[in-house]
Protein backbone atom coordinates (compact mmCIF):
# COMPACT_ATOMS: atom_id res chain seq x y z
CA UNK A 1 28.71 49.78 56.56
CA UNK A 2 25.73 47.53 56.19
CA UNK A 3 24.89 49.25 52.94
CA UNK A 4 28.36 48.66 51.52
CA UNK A 5 28.27 44.94 52.36
CA UNK A 6 24.76 44.61 50.95
CA UNK A 7 25.99 46.14 47.70
CA UNK A 8 28.90 43.71 47.58
CA UNK A 9 26.60 40.76 48.21
CA UNK A 10 24.28 41.90 45.44
CA UNK A 11 27.21 42.36 43.06
CA UNK A 12 28.42 38.85 43.92
CA UNK A 13 25.02 37.42 43.15
CA UNK A 14 24.83 39.21 39.82
CA UNK A 15 28.35 37.99 38.96
CA UNK A 16 27.26 34.42 39.74
CA UNK A 17 24.18 34.84 37.56
CA UNK A 18 26.37 36.06 34.69
CA UNK A 19 28.59 33.00 35.10
CA UNK A 20 25.53 30.72 35.06
CA UNK A 21 24.24 32.44 31.92
CA UNK A 22 27.57 31.81 30.17
CA UNK A 23 27.43 28.13 31.15
CA UNK A 24 23.87 27.87 29.80
CA UNK A 25 24.95 29.45 26.53
CA UNK A 26 27.90 27.07 26.17
CA UNK A 27 25.64 24.09 27.03
CA UNK A 28 23.15 25.26 24.42
CA UNK A 29 25.87 25.62 21.82
CA UNK A 30 27.08 22.06 22.53
CA UNK A 31 23.52 20.75 22.11
CA UNK A 32 23.15 22.78 18.91
CA UNK A 33 26.41 21.32 17.58
CA UNK A 34 25.27 17.78 18.41
CA UNK A 35 21.89 18.35 16.76
CA UNK A 36 23.47 19.82 13.61
CA UNK A 37 26.00 16.97 13.50
CA UNK A 38 23.23 14.34 13.86
CA UNK A 39 21.11 15.93 11.13
CA UNK A 40 24.17 16.17 8.88
CA UNK A 41 24.94 12.48 9.45
CA UNK A 42 21.35 11.52 8.56
CA UNK A 43 21.44 13.65 5.39
CA UNK A 44 24.82 12.15 4.45
CA UNK A 45 23.59 8.60 5.05
CA UNK A 46 20.44 9.25 3.04
CA UNK A 47 22.47 10.75 0.18
CA UNK A 48 24.84 7.76 0.23
CA UNK A 49 21.94 5.29 0.31
CA UNK A 50 19.71 6.84 -2.32
CA UNK A 51 22.23 8.51 -4.65
CA UNK A 52 25.49 6.52 -4.57
CA UNK A 53 24.01 3.12 -3.62
CA UNK A 54 20.90 3.60 -5.84
CA UNK A 55 18.56 2.98 -2.90
CA UNK A 56 15.34 3.76 -4.77
CA UNK A 57 16.02 0.89 -7.18
CA UNK A 58 15.52 -1.55 -4.31
CA UNK A 59 11.91 -0.45 -3.94
CA UNK A 60 11.16 -2.01 -7.33
CA UNK A 61 11.13 -5.64 -8.44
CA UNK A 62 13.63 -4.98 -11.22
CA UNK A 63 16.28 -7.73 -11.16
CA UNK A 64 18.92 -5.21 -12.26
CA UNK A 65 18.71 -3.71 -8.75
CA UNK A 66 20.36 -6.90 -7.53
CA UNK A 67 23.50 -6.12 -9.51
CA UNK A 68 23.97 -2.66 -8.01
CA UNK A 69 26.45 -4.56 -5.88
CA UNK A 70 29.01 -6.14 -8.20
CA UNK A 71 29.28 -9.26 -6.08
CA UNK A 72 25.86 -10.44 -7.33
CA UNK A 73 26.74 -10.25 -11.04
CA UNK A 74 27.43 -13.99 -11.37
CA UNK A 75 24.04 -14.84 -9.84
CA UNK A 76 22.31 -12.32 -12.11
CA UNK A 77 24.05 -13.64 -15.25
CA UNK A 78 23.17 -17.22 -14.30
CA UNK A 79 19.52 -16.25 -13.70
CA UNK A 80 19.37 -14.47 -17.09
CA UNK A 81 20.71 -17.57 -18.84
CA UNK A 82 18.39 -19.90 -16.92
CA UNK A 83 14.87 -21.17 -17.49
CA UNK A 84 13.30 -18.92 -14.82
CA UNK A 85 14.35 -15.57 -16.30
CA UNK A 86 11.20 -15.39 -18.45
CA UNK A 87 8.80 -16.27 -15.64
CA UNK A 88 10.28 -15.11 -12.33
CA UNK A 89 12.28 -12.19 -10.96
CA UNK A 90 14.54 -12.17 -7.92
CA UNK A 91 11.65 -10.95 -5.77
CA UNK A 92 9.43 -13.84 -6.87
CA UNK A 93 11.83 -16.38 -5.40
CA UNK A 94 13.53 -14.45 -2.60
CA UNK A 95 10.68 -12.48 -1.00
CA UNK A 96 7.61 -13.84 0.80
CA UNK A 97 4.23 -13.75 -0.95
CA UNK A 98 1.97 -13.93 2.11
CA UNK A 99 1.44 -10.16 2.57
CA UNK A 100 2.96 -6.84 1.56
CA UNK A 101 4.10 -5.94 5.10
CA UNK A 102 6.08 -9.18 5.46
CA UNK A 103 7.48 -8.75 1.93
CA UNK A 104 8.82 -5.25 2.60
CA UNK A 105 10.04 -6.22 6.10
CA UNK A 106 12.16 -9.02 4.60
CA UNK A 107 13.27 -6.73 1.77
CA UNK A 108 14.36 -4.05 4.27
CA UNK A 109 16.09 -6.58 6.53
CA UNK A 110 17.94 -8.19 3.62
CA UNK A 111 18.82 -4.79 2.19
CA UNK A 112 20.23 -3.62 5.51
CA UNK A 113 22.27 -6.80 5.99
CA UNK A 114 23.53 -6.77 2.39
CA UNK A 115 24.46 -3.10 2.63
CA UNK A 116 26.24 -3.62 5.93
CA UNK A 117 28.17 -6.67 4.77
CA UNK A 118 29.15 -5.35 1.35
CA UNK A 119 30.03 -1.86 2.58
CA UNK A 120 32.20 -3.19 5.40
CA UNK A 121 33.56 -6.17 3.44
CA UNK A 122 32.33 -8.61 6.11
CA UNK A 123 30.92 -11.13 3.64
CA UNK A 124 32.15 -14.58 2.72
CA UNK A 125 33.52 -15.26 -0.74
CA UNK A 126 30.88 -17.93 -1.22
CA UNK A 127 27.55 -16.30 -0.40
CA UNK A 128 25.11 -18.64 1.33
CA UNK A 129 21.43 -18.06 2.02
CA UNK A 130 20.24 -17.81 5.61
CA UNK A 131 17.74 -20.41 6.87
CA UNK A 132 14.93 -17.87 6.74
CA UNK A 133 15.81 -17.08 3.10
CA UNK A 134 15.82 -20.77 2.20
CA UNK A 135 12.38 -21.15 3.77
CA UNK A 136 11.03 -18.25 1.70
CA UNK A 137 12.51 -19.71 -1.49
CA UNK A 138 11.10 -23.17 -0.76
CA UNK A 139 7.67 -21.68 -0.16
CA UNK A 140 7.90 -19.80 -3.47
CA UNK A 141 8.82 -23.03 -5.28
CA UNK A 142 5.79 -24.80 -3.82
CA UNK A 143 3.48 -21.93 -4.75
CA UNK A 144 4.63 -21.72 -8.38
CA UNK A 145 4.88 -25.48 -8.93
CA UNK A 146 1.79 -26.54 -6.98
CA UNK A 147 0.26 -28.05 -10.12
CA UNK A 148 3.04 -30.64 -10.47
CA UNK A 149 3.49 -31.65 -6.87
CA UNK A 150 1.24 -32.02 -3.91
CA UNK A 151 4.10 -32.01 -1.41
CA UNK A 152 7.73 -31.69 -2.41
CA UNK A 153 8.89 -31.34 1.17
CA UNK A 154 9.20 -34.54 3.15
CA UNK A 155 11.29 -36.06 5.90
CA UNK A 156 14.31 -38.06 4.95
CA UNK A 157 14.90 -41.43 6.54
CA UNK A 158 13.23 -42.77 9.68
CA UNK A 159 16.37 -42.19 11.76
CA UNK A 160 17.03 -38.73 10.31
CA UNK A 161 14.80 -35.71 10.87
CA UNK A 162 16.36 -33.70 8.03
CA UNK A 163 13.75 -32.18 5.73
CA UNK A 164 14.21 -32.71 2.01
CA UNK A 165 12.94 -29.64 0.26
CA UNK A 166 13.24 -27.91 -3.11
CA UNK A 167 16.59 -26.18 -2.75
CA UNK A 168 18.25 -29.19 -1.18
CA UNK A 169 17.99 -31.12 -4.43
CA UNK A 170 17.57 -28.23 -6.86
CA UNK A 171 20.01 -25.69 -5.46
CA UNK A 172 21.20 -24.60 -8.90
CA UNK A 173 17.75 -23.88 -10.29
CA UNK A 174 17.32 -20.18 -10.76
CA UNK A 175 20.99 -19.32 -10.90
CA UNK A 176 22.78 -22.25 -12.56
CA UNK A 177 20.07 -24.02 -14.58
């Protein structure tokens, strides 16, 4: 009698082990599915970015990369017709010159934000530069035009702490000369 019960106990244990093995296999297949899905999403995103959205063009300083997105065509046309088209590209005015790491950080940040806004449609009809972008552009103006001005930027009136800088007075230069 003891032998019979021992056999039943052992069979119960082996049945439980089989059940656990099935659960492990189904857990592994779920993890495999998630991993394959994640890799597929990354490949799809990379293909979208570098094939459809011409992502490699953004690694260059070619102004035509700026018109990959049709919403920038007016700015590009105005730049081409302006006085700066022979001496400066988009990158010269809109990316920092201090070091290559900062330049590509800003380029990546701007690219991500532009891609997000234009892909989702969450952009205003009248595109306006962020404060950090205005600061970069003002710094570029001062670097290129250092020979004609010692300090373009200055405070306004005594009771106003607003800074008068290049793009405040010359906002059309570069795109609407």
